Amino acid sequence: MDIKGILSTCDHTLLSQTATFEEIKALCDDAIKYKTASVCIPPCYVKPAKFYVGDRMRICTVVGFPNGNSTTASKVFETEEAVANGADEIDMVINIGMLKAKEYFHVLDEIRAVKRACDGRILKVIIETCLLTEEEKIKMCELVTKAGAKFIKTSTGFSTGGATFDDVKLLAKHIGPEVKIKAAGGIKTVDDAKKFILLGATRLGTSRLVKIAKNEEAGISSDDENDETEEAAVPASKLSGAKVLSSADIVSKASEAGNDESSGVENKASENDDADGGSSWESVSVLDFGSDENDEVSAFDSLTE
């Protein structure tokens, strides 16, 4: 399998706590260029990212991430909101404590509840293999198969380890015939990716492989970096005189904005069309565009409220 074939299996990923929307846009641009399977991004960016990419790229996001020990109700709400905002795929984290306590019905019921909330979208179940015993990994193969999820996924990329060849081999042996495997975290090289695919993975969670492809185009050798949580290679754009809003500002404004669906992204799209028929969102950044120093209204707020 060549690099193009491998990239087609990748969920091009940026889930770091410091991720900005400028970096998410760069991630989307790369995913479209290199024809990855999807972009995997934080929930807060699903709606503007879907507006940005339209039908050019699938949007994947995470639920109960990264620890998995939120309530089932909150995971269902996160899923419903993500779907309403345009997510095509959901990667949920199981309640690992419940698994270790052998509360198997709780784990199974929760996966089923999130699957219902997906409303037909692809569901991937993150089991965090680095924290599980072999017995627990095998049990999760059984539960994920019973729940009817599309994928079992190895890792969040935020714990003590990522995907291993042994884990993917084990999962491939014990999952049902309708369940696929996503290997995430620890995928450093094209050779790693090829081996994971040969062992049974059909999706790879990483941003490293796109960076390798970009470096090869530029004639630059690739050295090891983090993968699942990497920042996008393209730096955030800067607009003259604009003031960057903090994450706290954005969260506060999102709370104040409420959930008025009548002012959704679809209406904004028609209002912001460029003369050539394209979207002006490409020039939008998470910045303060208020005309008054005390008027902190960001473009991000205007498109997500």
Protein backbone atom coordinates (compact mmCIF):
# COMPACT_ATOMS: atom_id res chain seq x y z
CA MET A 1 0.00 0.00 0.00
CA ASP A 2 1.41 3.40 -0.98
CA ILE A 3 1.24 6.59 1.05
CA LYS A 4 -1.97 7.70 -0.68
CA GLY A 5 -3.71 4.49 0.29
CA ILE A 6 -2.50 4.81 3.87
CA LEU A 7 -3.65 8.42 4.12
CA SER A 8 -7.12 7.37 2.99
CA THR A 9 -7.40 5.39 6.24
CA CYS A 10 -6.37 8.29 8.49
CA ASP A 11 -8.51 10.36 10.79
CA HIS A 12 -6.28 13.46 10.56
CA THR A 13 -6.29 14.53 14.19
CA LEU A 14 -5.88 17.62 16.33
CA LEU A 15 -7.24 17.30 19.86
CA SER A 16 -4.72 19.27 21.90
CA GLN A 17 -6.03 21.59 24.61
CA THR A 18 -4.39 24.59 22.93
CA ALA A 19 -5.88 23.98 19.47
CA THR A 20 -7.20 27.15 17.80
CA PHE A 21 -9.63 27.35 14.92
CA GLU A 22 -6.91 28.63 12.63
CA GLU A 23 -5.07 25.36 13.30
CA ILE A 24 -8.27 23.39 12.75
CA LYS A 25 -8.72 25.10 9.37
CA ALA A 26 -5.15 24.18 8.43
CA LEU A 27 -5.85 20.61 9.50
CA CYS A 28 -8.96 20.54 7.30
CA ASP A 29 -7.06 21.99 4.34
CA ASP A 30 -4.41 19.27 4.64
CA ALA A 31 -7.03 16.54 5.06
CA ILE A 32 -8.79 17.66 1.88
CA LYS A 33 -5.53 17.91 -0.05
CA TYR A 34 -4.29 14.47 1.01
CA LYS A 35 -7.74 12.83 0.95
CA THR A 36 -7.80 11.47 4.50
CA ALA A 37 -10.82 9.59 5.86
CA SER A 38 -11.82 12.45 8.17
CA VAL A 39 -10.58 15.14 10.51
CA CYS A 40 -10.90 14.39 14.22
CA ILE A 41 -11.32 17.63 16.16
CA PRO A 42 -12.61 19.00 19.49
CA PRO A 43 -16.40 19.33 19.84
CA CYS A 44 -16.31 23.14 20.08
CA TYR A 45 -15.03 23.36 16.50
CA VAL A 46 -17.44 20.93 14.83
CA LYS A 47 -19.99 23.51 13.69
CA PRO A 48 -17.58 26.06 12.17
CA ALA A 49 -15.43 23.27 10.72
CA LYS A 50 -18.45 21.71 9.01
CA PHE A 51 -19.31 25.13 7.62
CA TYR A 52 -15.73 25.52 6.41
CA VAL A 53 -15.37 22.14 4.68
CA GLY A 54 -18.95 21.52 3.57
CA ASP A 55 -19.07 18.13 1.86
CA ARG A 56 -15.34 18.08 1.08
CA MET A 57 -14.32 16.24 4.26
CA ARG A 58 -15.95 14.17 7.00
CA ILE A 59 -15.96 15.65 10.50
CA CYS A 60 -15.20 13.38 13.45
CA THR A 61 -15.30 14.50 17.07
CA VAL A 62 -14.91 13.02 20.55
CA VAL A 63 -17.34 12.34 23.39
CA GLY A 64 -16.55 11.75 27.07
CA PHE A 65 -13.00 12.64 26.15
CA PRO A 66 -10.40 11.84 27.32
CA ASN A 67 -11.23 10.17 30.67
CA GLY A 68 -14.56 8.53 29.88
CA ASN A 69 -15.98 8.85 33.39
CA SER A 70 -18.69 11.40 32.70
CA THR A 71 -22.30 10.25 33.00
CA THR A 72 -24.12 8.43 30.25
CA ALA A 73 -26.58 11.32 30.01
CA SER A 74 -23.79 13.80 29.41
CA LYS A 75 -22.23 11.58 26.73
CA VAL A 76 -25.60 11.29 25.02
CA PHE A 77 -26.03 15.08 25.14
CA GLU A 78 -22.53 15.64 23.73
CA THR A 79 -23.31 13.21 20.92
CA GLU A 80 -26.66 14.78 20.08
CA GLU A 81 -25.11 18.24 20.02
CA ALA A 82 -22.22 17.07 17.85
CA VAL A 83 -24.60 15.45 15.37
CA ALA A 84 -26.75 18.61 15.29
CA ASN A 85 -23.61 20.64 14.61
CA GLY A 86 -22.67 18.48 11.65
CA ALA A 87 -20.46 15.67 12.96
CA ASP A 88 -20.27 12.65 10.66
CA GLU A 89 -18.45 10.38 13.12
CA ILE A 90 -18.27 10.08 16.91
CA ASP A 91 -15.36 8.66 18.92
CA MET A 92 -16.58 7.98 22.47
CA VAL A 93 -14.53 6.93 25.51
CA ILE A 94 -15.87 4.10 27.64
CA ASN A 95 -16.19 4.33 31.41
CA ILE A 96 -13.00 2.47 32.26
CA GLY A 97 -13.74 2.35 35.99
CA MET A 98 -17.05 0.63 35.32
CA LEU A 99 -15.30 -1.93 33.13
CA LYS A 100 -12.74 -2.66 35.83
CA ALA A 101 -15.54 -3.03 38.38
CA LYS A 102 -17.12 -5.58 36.02
CA GLU A 103 -20.22 -3.41 35.59
CA TYR A 104 -20.54 -4.77 32.09
CA PHE A 105 -24.20 -3.93 31.61
CA HIS A 106 -23.46 -0.27 32.36
CA VAL A 107 -20.66 -0.19 29.78
CA LEU A 108 -22.82 -1.97 27.19
CA ASP A 109 -25.90 0.16 27.85
CA GLU A 110 -23.86 3.36 27.60
CA ILE A 111 -22.40 2.40 24.22
CA ARG A 112 -25.89 1.55 22.98
CA ALA A 113 -27.25 4.89 24.26
CA VAL A 114 -24.52 6.85 22.47
CA LYS A 115 -25.06 4.78 19.32
CA ARG A 116 -28.76 5.73 19.33
CA ALA A 117 -27.78 9.37 19.74
CA CYS A 118 -25.47 9.05 16.71
CA ASP A 119 -28.59 8.75 14.55
CA GLY A 120 -26.88 6.63 11.93
CA ARG A 121 -23.45 8.26 12.11
CA ILE A 122 -20.34 6.12 12.56
CA LEU A 123 -19.54 5.32 16.20
CA LYS A 124 -16.04 4.39 17.33
CA VAL A 125 -15.56 3.15 20.89
CA ILE A 126 -12.27 4.11 22.57
CA ILE A 127 -11.28 1.50 25.14
CA GLU A 128 -7.85 2.91 26.18
CA THR A 129 -5.93 -0.35 25.79
CA CYS A 130 -2.90 0.90 27.74
CA LEU A 131 -4.99 0.84 30.93
CA LEU A 132 -6.61 -2.56 30.41
CA THR A 133 -5.67 -6.14 31.09
CA GLU A 134 -5.84 -8.66 28.26
CA GLU A 135 -9.04 -10.05 29.78
CA GLU A 136 -10.58 -6.56 29.78
CA LYS A 137 -9.58 -5.95 26.16
CA ILE A 138 -11.24 -9.20 25.12
CA LYS A 139 -14.34 -8.30 27.12
CA MET A 140 -14.55 -4.95 25.36
CA CYS A 141 -14.42 -6.71 22.00
CA GLU A 142 -17.50 -8.63 23.11
CA LEU A 143 -19.32 -5.54 24.41
CA VAL A 144 -18.54 -3.35 21.40
CA THR A 145 -19.74 -6.14 19.11
CA LYS A 146 -22.97 -6.58 21.10
CA ALA A 147 -23.60 -2.82 21.12
CA GLY A 148 -23.37 -2.64 17.33
CA ALA A 149 -20.71 0.07 17.14
CA LYS A 150 -18.82 0.35 13.87
CA PHE A 151 -15.31 0.53 15.33
CA ILE A 152 -13.31 -0.37 18.40
CA LYS A 153 -10.53 2.17 18.92
CA THR A 154 -7.37 1.56 20.90
CA SER A 155 -6.52 4.87 22.53
CA THR A 156 -7.25 8.52 23.24
CA GLY A 157 -3.62 9.58 22.85
CA PHE A 158 -3.87 11.28 26.25
CA SER A 159 -3.06 8.37 28.56
CA THR A 160 0.04 6.29 29.25
CA GLY A 161 0.36 4.78 25.80
CA GLY A 162 -1.06 4.45 22.31
CA ALA A 163 -1.79 1.63 19.91
CA THR A 164 0.51 -1.39 19.87
CA PHE A 165 0.83 -4.15 17.29
CA ASP A 166 -0.03 -6.77 19.92
CA ASP A 167 -3.22 -4.95 20.89
CA VAL A 168 -4.44 -4.61 17.31
CA LYS A 169 -3.70 -8.29 16.72
CA LEU A 170 -5.66 -9.20 19.86
CA LEU A 171 -8.64 -7.02 18.94
CA ALA A 172 -8.72 -8.44 15.41
CA LYS A 173 -8.95 -11.93 16.88
CA HIS A 174 -11.87 -11.20 19.20
CA ILE A 175 -14.14 -8.58 17.60
CA GLY A 176 -17.24 -9.56 15.67
CA PRO A 177 -17.19 -9.68 11.85
CA GLU A 178 -19.03 -6.35 11.52
CA VAL A 179 -16.68 -4.40 13.81
CA LYS A 180 -13.61 -2.58 12.49
CA ILE A 181 -10.46 -1.44 14.30
CA LYS A 182 -9.05 2.07 14.66
CA ALA A 183 -5.47 2.24 15.89
CA ALA A 184 -4.62 5.60 17.45
CA GLY A 185 -1.55 7.03 19.12
CA GLY A 186 2.00 5.83 18.64
CA ILE A 187 1.90 5.75 14.84
CA LYS A 188 5.22 7.36 13.98
CA THR A 189 6.16 6.11 10.53
CA VAL A 190 4.71 4.84 7.26
CA ASP A 191 6.05 1.39 8.15
CA ASP A 192 4.15 1.52 11.46
CA ALA A 193 0.99 2.44 9.59
CA LYS A 194 1.45 -0.40 7.08
CA LYS A 195 1.92 -2.94 9.87
CA PHE A 196 -1.17 -1.75 11.77
CA ILE A 197 -3.21 -2.11 8.57
CA LEU A 198 -1.80 -5.59 7.86
CA LEU A 199 -2.75 -6.62 11.41
CA GLY A 200 -6.36 -5.56 10.86
CA ALA A 201 -6.74 -1.82 11.48
CA THR A 202 -8.84 -0.01 8.86
CA ARG A 203 -8.57 3.44 10.44
CA LEU A 204 -5.55 5.20 11.89
CA GLY A 205 -5.80 8.12 14.32
CA THR A 206 -2.81 10.41 13.74
CA SER A 207 -1.63 13.65 12.20
CA ARG A 208 1.89 12.37 11.76
CA LEU A 209 1.34 10.71 8.37
CA VAL A 210 0.12 13.88 6.68
CA LYS A 211 3.19 15.66 8.03
CA ILE A 212 5.38 12.91 6.57
CA ALA A 213 3.69 13.33 3.18
CA LYS A 214 4.15 17.11 3.33
CA ASN A 215 7.81 16.76 4.31
CA GLU A 216 8.44 14.30 1.50
CA GLU A 217 6.98 16.78 -0.98
CA ALA A 218 9.29 19.46 0.41
CA GLY A 219 12.31 17.14 0.51
CA ILE A 220 12.54 17.33 4.30
CA SER A 221 13.29 14.30 6.47
CA SER A 222 10.70 13.60 9.19
CA ASP A 223 11.76 13.22 12.82
CA ASP A 224 9.65 11.76 15.60
CA GLU A 225 6.97 13.96 17.13
CA ASN A 226 3.77 13.44 19.06
CA ASP A 227 0.87 12.25 16.95
CA GLU A 228 -2.72 12.17 18.23
CA THR A 229 -2.46 15.57 19.91
CA GLU A 230 -0.11 17.30 17.49
CA GLU A 231 -0.75 20.83 16.41
CA ALA A 232 -1.30 21.51 12.72
CA ALA A 233 1.87 22.20 10.74
CA VAL A 234 0.58 25.46 9.30
CA PRO A 235 0.81 28.34 11.82
CA ALA A 236 -2.23 30.36 12.77
CA SER A 237 -2.93 33.29 10.47
CA LYS A 238 -2.57 36.78 11.86
CA LEU A 239 -4.84 39.68 11.05
CA SER A 240 -3.51 43.20 11.56
CA GLY A 241 -4.90 44.96 14.59
CA ALA A 242 -7.01 42.03 15.72
CA LYS A 243 -7.13 41.00 19.36
CA VAL A 244 -7.08 37.28 20.16
CA LEU A 245 -9.85 36.20 22.50
CA SER A 246 -8.93 33.77 25.24
CA SER A 247 -10.55 30.35 25.57
CA ALA A 248 -12.38 31.63 28.65
CA ASP A 249 -13.80 34.53 26.61
CA ILE A 250 -15.02 32.16 23.91
CA VAL A 251 -16.62 29.77 26.39
CA SER A 252 -18.28 32.67 28.19
CA LYS A 253 -19.66 34.11 24.98
CA ALA A 254 -20.89 30.70 23.82
CA SER A 255 -22.79 30.35 27.10
CA GLU A 256 -24.29 33.82 26.73
CA ALA A 257 -25.26 33.16 23.13
CA GLY A 258 -27.56 30.30 24.12
CA ASN A 259 -28.81 27.80 21.61
CA ASP A 260 -30.92 29.82 19.17
CA GLU A 261 -31.08 27.56 16.13
CA SER A 262 -32.90 30.22 14.10
CA SER A 263 -29.58 32.00 13.61
CA GLY A 264 -27.74 28.87 12.48
CA VAL A 265 -24.78 28.50 10.22
CA GLU A 266 -26.94 28.06 7.13
CA ASN A 267 -28.24 31.62 7.39
CA LYS A 268 -24.78 32.96 8.06
CA ALA A 269 -23.48 31.23 4.95
CA SER A 270 -25.83 33.14 2.66
CA GLU A 271 -25.03 36.42 4.40
CA ASN A 272 -21.27 35.91 4.06
CA ASP A 273 -20.98 34.75 0.45
CA ASP A 274 -18.10 36.28 -1.45
CA ALA A 275 -18.61 37.81 -4.83
CA ASP A 276 -17.32 34.62 -6.44
CA GLY A 277 -19.94 32.54 -4.65
CA GLY A 278 -17.53 31.11 -2.09
CA SER A 279 -17.68 31.39 1.67
CA SER A 280 -15.99 34.28 3.43
CA TRP A 281 -15.42 31.99 6.43
CA GLU A 282 -11.96 31.19 5.02
CA SER A 283 -10.83 34.63 6.18
CA VAL A 284 -12.46 34.31 9.60
CA SER A 285 -10.38 33.78 12.71
CA VAL A 286 -11.26 33.42 16.39
CA LEU A 287 -10.54 37.07 16.96
CA ASP A 288 -12.14 40.23 18.25
CA PHE A 289 -13.54 42.19 15.33
CA GLY A 290 -15.51 44.65 17.44
CA SER A 291 -15.32 48.25 16.23
CA ASP A 292 -15.29 49.50 19.78
CA GLU A 293 -12.66 48.58 22.36
CA ASN A 294 -15.42 47.51 24.74
CA ASP A 295 -17.38 45.63 22.08
CA GLU A 296 -15.86 42.13 22.15
CA VAL A 297 -17.80 40.36 19.40
CA SER A 298 -15.81 37.68 17.57
CA ALA A 299 -16.40 36.15 14.17
CA PHE A 300 -16.36 32.76 15.86
CA ASP A 301 -19.26 33.81 18.11
CA SER A 302 -21.28 35.07 15.16
CA LEU A 303 -21.07 31.72 13.38
CA THR A 304 -21.62 29.39 16.33
CA GLU A 305 -24.35 31.10 18.30
